[in-house]
Amino acid sequence: MSTSDMNVMPDMSALQAAGPGSSTMNSIDAMRQMSMLTLNLQEQQTTFNSIMHAKVEGVKSLADVVKDGVQKGGYN
């Protein structure tokens, strides 16, 4: 794709002619809602991943403490 192809504006006349309640506007609204849902799910997944990462790191730290204690003979 050339740079000139990327600078061409799409023909918006069909969207401008479509009024509220038209199938074109309904499709656009459905795509917008799906995009918002996808973004929301991505944000939730990121939050979940952060929480799980913190928990895994906490368990690793605890395992290191226990391992060090056992190696030093403190947990016999």
PDB file of N, CA and C in Angstrom:
ATOM      1  N   MET A   1       0.860  -1.177   0.000  1.00  0.00           N
ATOM      2  CA  MET A   1       0.000   0.000   0.000  1.00  0.00           C
ATOM      3  C   MET A   1       0.897   1.227   0.000  1.00  0.00           C
ATOM      4  N   SER A   2       0.663   2.134  -0.905  1.00  0.00           N
ATOM      5  CA  SER A   2       1.492   3.332  -0.990  1.00  0.00           C
ATOM      6  C   SER A   2       1.003   4.378   0.000  1.00  0.00           C
ATOM      7  N   THR A   3       1.844   5.366   0.239  1.00  0.00           N
ATOM      8  CA  THR A   3       1.484   6.446   1.152  1.00  0.00           C
ATOM      9  C   THR A   3       0.270   7.201   0.644  1.00  0.00           C
ATOM     10  N   SER A   4       0.167   7.368  -0.663  1.00  0.00           N
ATOM     11  CA  SER A   4      -0.980   8.096  -1.214  1.00  0.00           C
ATOM     12  C   SER A   4      -2.279   7.332  -0.976  1.00  0.00           C
ATOM     13  N   ASP A   5      -2.225   5.992  -0.968  1.00  0.00           N
ATOM     14  CA  ASP A   5      -3.423   5.196  -0.686  1.00  0.00           C
ATOM     15  C   ASP A   5      -3.900   5.413   0.741  1.00  0.00           C
ATOM     16  N   MET A   6      -2.966   5.601   1.651  1.00  0.00           N
ATOM     17  CA  MET A   6      -3.323   5.744   3.061  1.00  0.00           C
ATOM     18  C   MET A   6      -3.935   7.110   3.347  1.00  0.00           C
ATOM     19  N   ASN A   7      -3.654   8.107   2.512  1.00  0.00           N
ATOM     20  CA  ASN A   7      -4.149   9.456   2.742  1.00  0.00           C
ATOM     21  C   ASN A   7      -5.513   9.708   2.121  1.00  0.00           C
ATOM     22  N   VAL A   8      -6.067   8.757   1.405  1.00  0.00           N
ATOM     23  CA  VAL A   8      -7.367   8.922   0.764  1.00  0.00           C
ATOM     24  C   VAL A   8      -8.453   8.765   1.819  1.00  0.00           C
ATOM     25  N   MET A   9      -9.320   9.751   1.889  1.00  0.00           N
ATOM     26  CA  MET A   9     -10.419   9.699   2.849  1.00  0.00           C
ATOM     27  C   MET A   9     -11.522   8.791   2.310  1.00  0.00           C
ATOM     28  N   PRO A  10     -12.117   7.972   3.145  1.00  0.00           N
ATOM     29  CA  PRO A  10     -13.208   7.113   2.669  1.00  0.00           C
ATOM     30  C   PRO A  10     -14.435   7.947   2.327  1.00  0.00           C
ATOM     31  N   ASP A  11     -15.254   7.418   1.449  1.00  0.00           N
ATOM     32  CA  ASP A  11     -16.490   8.092   1.060  1.00  0.00           C
ATOM     33  C   ASP A  11     -17.483   7.952   2.206  1.00  0.00           C
ATOM     34  N   MET A  12     -17.820   9.058   2.834  1.00  0.00           N
ATOM     35  CA  MET A  12     -18.698   9.040   3.999  1.00  0.00           C
ATOM     36  C   MET A  12     -20.150   9.326   3.628  1.00  0.00           C
ATOM     37  N   SER A  13     -20.455   9.482   2.338  1.00  0.00           N
ATOM     38  CA  SER A  13     -21.806   9.864   1.935  1.00  0.00           C
ATOM     39  C   SER A  13     -22.841   8.829   2.362  1.00  0.00           C
ATOM     40  N   ALA A  14     -22.482   7.548   2.323  1.00  0.00           N
ATOM     41  CA  ALA A  14     -23.439   6.511   2.726  1.00  0.00           C
ATOM     42  C   ALA A  14     -23.757   6.625   4.212  1.00  0.00           C
ATOM     43  N   LEU A  15     -22.749   6.926   5.015  1.00  0.00           N
ATOM     44  CA  LEU A  15     -22.993   7.075   6.450  1.00  0.00           C
ATOM     45  C   LEU A  15     -23.773   8.343   6.748  1.00  0.00           C
ATOM     46  N   GLN A  16     -23.473   9.411   6.030  1.00  0.00           N
ATOM     47  CA  GLN A  16     -24.185  10.662   6.253  1.00  0.00           C
ATOM     48  C   GLN A  16     -25.644  10.537   5.841  1.00  0.00           C
ATOM     49  N   ALA A  17     -25.920   9.743   4.825  1.00  0.00           N
ATOM     50  CA  ALA A  17     -27.293   9.555   4.361  1.00  0.00           C
ATOM     51  C   ALA A  17     -28.073   8.625   5.285  1.00  0.00           C
ATOM     52  N   ALA A  18     -27.371   7.787   6.019  1.00  0.00           N
ATOM     53  CA  ALA A  18     -28.039   6.835   6.908  1.00  0.00           C
ATOM     54  C   ALA A  18     -28.511   7.570   8.153  1.00  0.00           C
ATOM     55  N   GLY A  19     -29.783   7.491   8.405  1.00  0.00           N
ATOM     56  CA  GLY A  19     -30.331   8.150   9.585  1.00  0.00           C
ATOM     57  C   GLY A  19     -30.371   7.205  10.770  1.00  0.00           C
ATOM     58  N   PRO A  20     -30.789   7.736  11.924  1.00  0.00           N
ATOM     59  CA  PRO A  20     -30.924   6.881  13.109  1.00  0.00           C
ATOM     60  C   PRO A  20     -31.872   5.719  12.827  1.00  0.00           C
ATOM     61  N   GLY A  21     -31.538   4.559  13.298  1.00  0.00           N
ATOM     62  CA  GLY A  21     -32.372   3.387  13.101  1.00  0.00           C
ATOM     63  C   GLY A  21     -32.081   2.638  11.821  1.00  0.00           C
ATOM     64  N   SER A  22     -31.209   3.178  10.977  1.00  0.00           N
ATOM     65  CA  SER A  22     -30.881   2.477   9.738  1.00  0.00           C
ATOM     66  C   SER A  22     -29.967   1.300  10.053  1.00  0.00           C
ATOM     67  N   SER A  23     -29.928   0.340   9.149  1.00  0.00           N
ATOM     68  CA  SER A  23     -29.084  -0.834   9.381  1.00  0.00           C
ATOM     69  C   SER A  23     -27.613  -0.452   9.430  1.00  0.00           C
ATOM     70  N   THR A  24     -27.219   0.565   8.646  1.00  0.00           N
ATOM     71  CA  THR A  24     -25.823   1.014   8.672  1.00  0.00           C
ATOM     72  C   THR A  24     -25.478   1.578  10.040  1.00  0.00           C
ATOM     73  N   MET A  25     -26.342   2.429  10.572  1.00  0.00           N
ATOM     74  CA  MET A  25     -26.086   3.023  11.885  1.00  0.00           C
ATOM     75  C   MET A  25     -26.146   1.956  12.971  1.00  0.00           C
ATOM     76  N   ASN A  26     -27.063   0.995  12.847  1.00  0.00           N
ATOM     77  CA  ASN A  26     -27.136  -0.086  13.826  1.00  0.00           C
ATOM     78  C   ASN A  26     -25.859  -0.914  13.807  1.00  0.00           C
ATOM     79  N   SER A  27     -25.328  -1.165  12.622  1.00  0.00           N
ATOM     80  CA  SER A  27     -24.085  -1.930  12.504  1.00  0.00           C
ATOM     81  C   SER A  27     -22.921  -1.175  13.126  1.00  0.00           C
ATOM     82  N   ILE A  28     -22.866   0.121  12.869  1.00  0.00           N
ATOM     83  CA  ILE A  28     -21.794   0.939  13.441  1.00  0.00           C
ATOM     84  C   ILE A  28     -21.908   0.959  14.958  1.00  0.00           C
ATOM     85  N   ASP A  29     -23.126   1.112  15.466  1.00  0.00           N
ATOM     86  CA  ASP A  29     -23.327   1.122  16.916  1.00  0.00           C
ATOM     87  C   ASP A  29     -22.955  -0.228  17.524  1.00  0.00           C
ATOM     88  N   ALA A  30     -23.304  -1.309  16.848  1.00  0.00           N
ATOM     89  CA  ALA A  30     -22.952  -2.645  17.344  1.00  0.00           C
ATOM     90  C   ALA A  30     -21.437  -2.829  17.367  1.00  0.00           C
ATOM     91  N   MET A  31     -20.748  -2.342  16.337  1.00  0.00           N
ATOM     92  CA  MET A  31     -19.282  -2.441  16.315  1.00  0.00           C
ATOM     93  C   MET A  31     -18.663  -1.604  17.431  1.00  0.00           C
ATOM     94  N   ARG A  32     -19.233  -0.423  17.676  1.00  0.00           N
ATOM     95  CA  ARG A  32     -18.732   0.445  18.744  1.00  0.00           C
ATOM     96  C   ARG A  32     -18.908  -0.236  20.101  1.00  0.00           C
ATOM     97  N   GLN A  33     -20.076  -0.818  20.322  1.00  0.00           N
ATOM     98  CA  GLN A  33     -20.327  -1.504  21.586  1.00  0.00           C
ATOM     99  C   GLN A  33     -19.406  -2.712  21.744  1.00  0.00           C
ATOM    100  N   MET A  34     -19.172  -3.452  20.675  1.00  0.00           N
ATOM    101  CA  MET A  34     -18.273  -4.604  20.730  1.00  0.00           C
ATOM    102  C   MET A  34     -16.850  -4.151  21.039  1.00  0.00           C
ATOM    103  N   SER A  35     -16.449  -3.036  20.451  1.00  0.00           N
ATOM    104  CA  SER A  35     -15.112  -2.498  20.724  1.00  0.00           C
ATOM    105  C   SER A  35     -14.976  -2.104  22.185  1.00  0.00           C
ATOM    106  N   MET A  36     -16.016  -1.483  22.724  1.00  0.00           N
ATOM    107  CA  MET A  36     -15.985  -1.090  24.137  1.00  0.00           C
ATOM    108  C   MET A  36     -15.921  -2.322  25.033  1.00  0.00           C
ATOM    109  N   LEU A  37     -16.683  -3.353  24.701  1.00  0.00           N
ATOM    110  CA  LEU A  37     -16.660  -4.591  25.472  1.00  0.00           C
ATOM    111  C   LEU A  37     -15.287  -5.244  25.400  1.00  0.00           C
ATOM    112  N   THR A  38     -14.708  -5.268  24.213  1.00  0.00           N
ATOM    113  CA  THR A  38     -13.377  -5.857  24.040  1.00  0.00           C
ATOM    114  C   THR A  38     -12.347  -5.108  24.871  1.00  0.00           C
ATOM    115  N   LEU A  39     -12.409  -3.785  24.856  1.00  0.00           N
ATOM    116  CA  LEU A  39     -11.480  -2.977  25.649  1.00  0.00           C
ATOM    117  C   LEU A  39     -11.664  -3.258  27.130  1.00  0.00           C
ATOM    118  N   ASN A  40     -12.911  -3.344  27.571  1.00  0.00           N
ATOM    119  CA  ASN A  40     -13.200  -3.641  28.974  1.00  0.00           C
ATOM    120  C   ASN A  40     -12.625  -4.997  29.360  1.00  0.00           C
ATOM    121  N   LEU A  41     -12.815  -5.996  28.520  1.00  0.00           N
ATOM    122  CA  LEU A  41     -12.288  -7.334  28.806  1.00  0.00           C
ATOM    123  C   LEU A  41     -10.767  -7.336  28.828  1.00  0.00           C
ATOM    124  N   GLN A  42     -10.143  -6.569  27.945  1.00  0.00           N
ATOM    125  CA  GLN A  42      -8.679  -6.477  27.936  1.00  0.00           C
ATOM    126  C   GLN A  42      -8.176  -5.840  29.221  1.00  0.00           C
ATOM    127  N   GLU A  43      -8.871  -4.802  29.694  1.00  0.00           N
ATOM    128  CA  GLU A  43      -8.480  -4.147  30.943  1.00  0.00           C
ATOM    129  C   GLU A  43      -8.635  -5.112  32.116  1.00  0.00           C
ATOM    130  N   GLN A  44      -9.724  -5.878  32.136  1.00  0.00           N
ATOM    131  CA  GLN A  44      -9.929  -6.854  33.206  1.00  0.00           C
ATOM    132  C   GLN A  44      -8.859  -7.935  33.159  1.00  0.00           C
ATOM    133  N   GLN A  45      -8.497  -8.387  31.971  1.00  0.00           N
ATOM    134  CA  GLN A  45      -7.466  -9.419  31.831  1.00  0.00           C
ATOM    135  C   GLN A  45      -6.125  -8.894  32.327  1.00  0.00           C
ATOM    136  N   THR A  46      -5.817  -7.633  31.997  1.00  0.00           N
ATOM    137  CA  THR A  46      -4.567  -7.026  32.456  1.00  0.00           C
ATOM    138  C   THR A  46      -4.541  -6.952  33.975  1.00  0.00           C
ATOM    139  N   THR A  47      -5.659  -6.541  34.576  1.00  0.00           N
ATOM    140  CA  THR A  47      -5.743  -6.470  36.036  1.00  0.00           C
ATOM    141  C   THR A  47      -5.578  -7.855  36.643  1.00  0.00           C
ATOM    142  N   PHE A  48      -6.265  -8.838  36.092  1.00  0.00           N
ATOM    143  CA  PHE A  48      -6.159 -10.213  36.583  1.00  0.00           C
ATOM    144  C   PHE A  48      -4.718 -10.703  36.486  1.00  0.00           C
ATOM    145  N   ASN A  49      -4.077 -10.453  35.339  1.00  0.00           N
ATOM    146  CA  ASN A  49      -2.690 -10.891  35.155  1.00  0.00           C
ATOM    147  C   ASN A  49      -1.772 -10.239  36.176  1.00  0.00           C
ATOM    148  N   SER A  50      -1.983  -8.960  36.464  1.00  0.00           N
ATOM    149  CA  SER A  50      -1.161  -8.260  37.453  1.00  0.00           C
ATOM    150  C   SER A  50      -1.344  -8.861  38.841  1.00  0.00           C
ATOM    151  N   ILE A  51      -2.582  -9.143  39.206  1.00  0.00           N
ATOM    152  CA  ILE A  51      -2.862  -9.738  40.518  1.00  0.00           C
ATOM    153  C   ILE A  51      -2.228 -11.116  40.614  1.00  0.00           C
ATOM    154  N   MET A  52      -2.407 -11.926  39.582  1.00  0.00           N
ATOM    155  CA  MET A  52      -1.839 -13.280  39.615  1.00  0.00           C
ATOM    156  C   MET A  52      -0.318 -13.235  39.650  1.00  0.00           C
ATOM    157  N   HIS A  53       0.291 -12.322  38.925  1.00  0.00           N
ATOM    158  CA  HIS A  53       1.748 -12.190  38.935  1.00  0.00           C
ATOM    159  C   HIS A  53       2.222 -11.845  40.347  1.00  0.00           C
ATOM    160  N   ALA A  54       1.539 -10.916  41.002  1.00  0.00           N
ATOM    161  CA  ALA A  54       1.916 -10.535  42.365  1.00  0.00           C
ATOM    162  C   ALA A  54       1.773 -11.719  43.317  1.00  0.00           C
ATOM    163  N   LYS A  55       0.715 -12.498  43.168  1.00  0.00           N
ATOM    164  CA  LYS A  55       0.523 -13.666  44.034  1.00  0.00           C
ATOM    165  C   LYS A  55       1.607 -14.714  43.795  1.00  0.00           C
ATOM    166  N   VAL A  56       1.943 -14.961  42.545  1.00  0.00           N
ATOM    167  CA  VAL A  56       2.995 -15.934  42.222  1.00  0.00           C
ATOM    168  C   VAL A  56       4.325 -15.480  42.813  1.00  0.00           C
ATOM    169  N   GLU A  57       4.630 -14.194  42.677  1.00  0.00           N
ATOM    170  CA  GLU A  57       5.880 -13.675  43.236  1.00  0.00           C
ATOM    171  C   GLU A  57       5.880 -13.794  44.759  1.00  0.00           C
ATOM    172  N   GLY A  58       4.731 -13.586  45.385  1.00  0.00           N
ATOM    173  CA  GLY A  58       4.622 -13.745  46.839  1.00  0.00           C
ATOM    174  C   GLY A  58       4.871 -15.180  47.269  1.00  0.00           C
ATOM    175  N   VAL A  59       4.312 -16.123  46.547  1.00  0.00           N
ATOM    176  CA  VAL A  59       4.524 -17.543  46.859  1.00  0.00           C
ATOM    177  C   VAL A  59       5.988 -17.912  46.650  1.00  0.00           C
ATOM    178  N   LYS A  60       6.605 -17.394  45.589  1.00  0.00           N
ATOM    179  CA  LYS A  60       8.028 -17.666  45.359  1.00  0.00           C
ATOM    180  C   LYS A  60       8.871 -17.140  46.515  1.00  0.00           C
ATOM    181  N   SER A  61       8.551 -15.935  46.992  1.00  0.00           N
ATOM    182  CA  SER A  61       9.290 -15.359  48.116  1.00  0.00           C
ATOM    183  C   SER A  61       9.117 -16.211  49.364  1.00  0.00           C
ATOM    184  N   LEU A  62       7.907 -16.648  49.626  1.00  0.00           N
ATOM    185  CA  LEU A  62       7.656 -17.503  50.785  1.00  0.00           C
ATOM    186  C   LEU A  62       8.416 -18.810  50.652  1.00  0.00           C
ATOM    187  N   ALA A  63       8.421 -19.391  49.472  1.00  0.00           N
ATOM    188  CA  ALA A  63       9.157 -20.640  49.250  1.00  0.00           C
ATOM    189  C   ALA A  63      10.646 -20.431  49.484  1.00  0.00           C
ATOM    190  N   ASP A  64      11.182 -19.286  49.057  1.00  0.00           N
ATOM    191  CA  ASP A  64      12.601 -18.992  49.293  1.00  0.00           C
ATOM    192  C   ASP A  64      12.899 -18.878  50.783  1.00  0.00           C
ATOM    193  N   VAL A  65      12.019 -18.236  51.535  1.00  0.00           N
ATOM    194  CA  VAL A  65      12.209 -18.095  52.983  1.00  0.00           C
ATOM    195  C   VAL A  65      12.198 -19.466  53.647  1.00  0.00           C
ATOM    196  N   VAL A  66      11.240 -20.297  53.290  1.00  0.00           N
ATOM    197  CA  VAL A  66      11.150 -21.642  53.878  1.00  0.00           C
ATOM    198  C   VAL A  66      12.378 -22.460  53.496  1.00  0.00           C
ATOM    199  N   LYS A  67      12.783 -22.396  52.235  1.00  0.00           N
ATOM    200  CA  LYS A  67      13.957 -23.141  51.776  1.00  0.00           C
ATOM    201  C   LYS A  67      15.201 -22.707  52.548  1.00  0.00           C
ATOM    202  N   ASP A  68      15.387 -21.400  52.717  1.00  0.00           N
ATOM    203  CA  ASP A  68      16.539 -20.903  53.472  1.00  0.00           C
ATOM    204  C   ASP A  68      16.491 -21.383  54.916  1.00  0.00           C
ATOM    205  N   GLY A  69      15.306 -21.361  55.499  1.00  0.00           N
ATOM    206  CA  GLY A  69      15.166 -21.824  56.885  1.00  0.00           C
ATOM    207  C   GLY A  69      15.485 -23.294  57.020  1.00  0.00           C
ATOM    208  N   VAL A  70      15.025 -24.097  56.092  1.00  0.00           N
ATOM    209  CA  VAL A  70      15.293 -25.540  56.135  1.00  0.00           C
ATOM    210  C   VAL A  70      16.785 -25.797  55.943  1.00  0.00           C
ATOM    211  N   GLN A  71      17.403 -25.080  55.020  1.00  0.00           N
ATOM    212  CA  GLN A  71      18.838 -25.266  54.777  1.00  0.00           C
ATOM    213  C   GLN A  71      19.669 -24.880  55.997  1.00  0.00           C
ATOM    214  N   LYS A  72      19.204 -23.916  56.760  1.00  0.00           N
ATOM    215  CA  LYS A  72      19.932 -23.484  57.960  1.00  0.00           C
ATOM    216  C   LYS A  72      19.555 -24.329  59.175  1.00  0.00           C
ATOM    217  N   GLY A  73      18.607 -25.222  58.999  1.00  0.00           N
ATOM    218  CA  GLY A  73      18.209 -26.109  60.092  1.00  0.00           C
ATOM    219  C   GLY A  73      17.232 -25.486  61.062  1.00  0.00           C
ATOM    220  N   GLY A  74      16.610 -24.401  60.692  1.00  0.00           N
ATOM    221  CA  GLY A  74      15.692 -23.719  61.598  1.00  0.00           C
ATOM    222  C   GLY A  74      14.295 -24.297  61.631  1.00  0.00           C
ATOM    223  N   TYR A  75      13.976 -25.202  60.734  1.00  0.00           N
ATOM    224  CA  TYR A  75      12.616 -25.738  60.672  1.00  0.00           C
ATOM    225  C   TYR A  75      12.602 -27.241  60.907  1.00  0.00           C
ATOM    226  N   ASN A  76      13.490 -27.742  61.750  1.00  0.00           N
ATOM    227  CA  ASN A  76      13.528 -29.184  62.028  1.00  0.00           C
ATOM    228  C   ASN A  76      12.595 -29.546  63.145  1.00  0.00           C
TER     229      ASN A  76
END
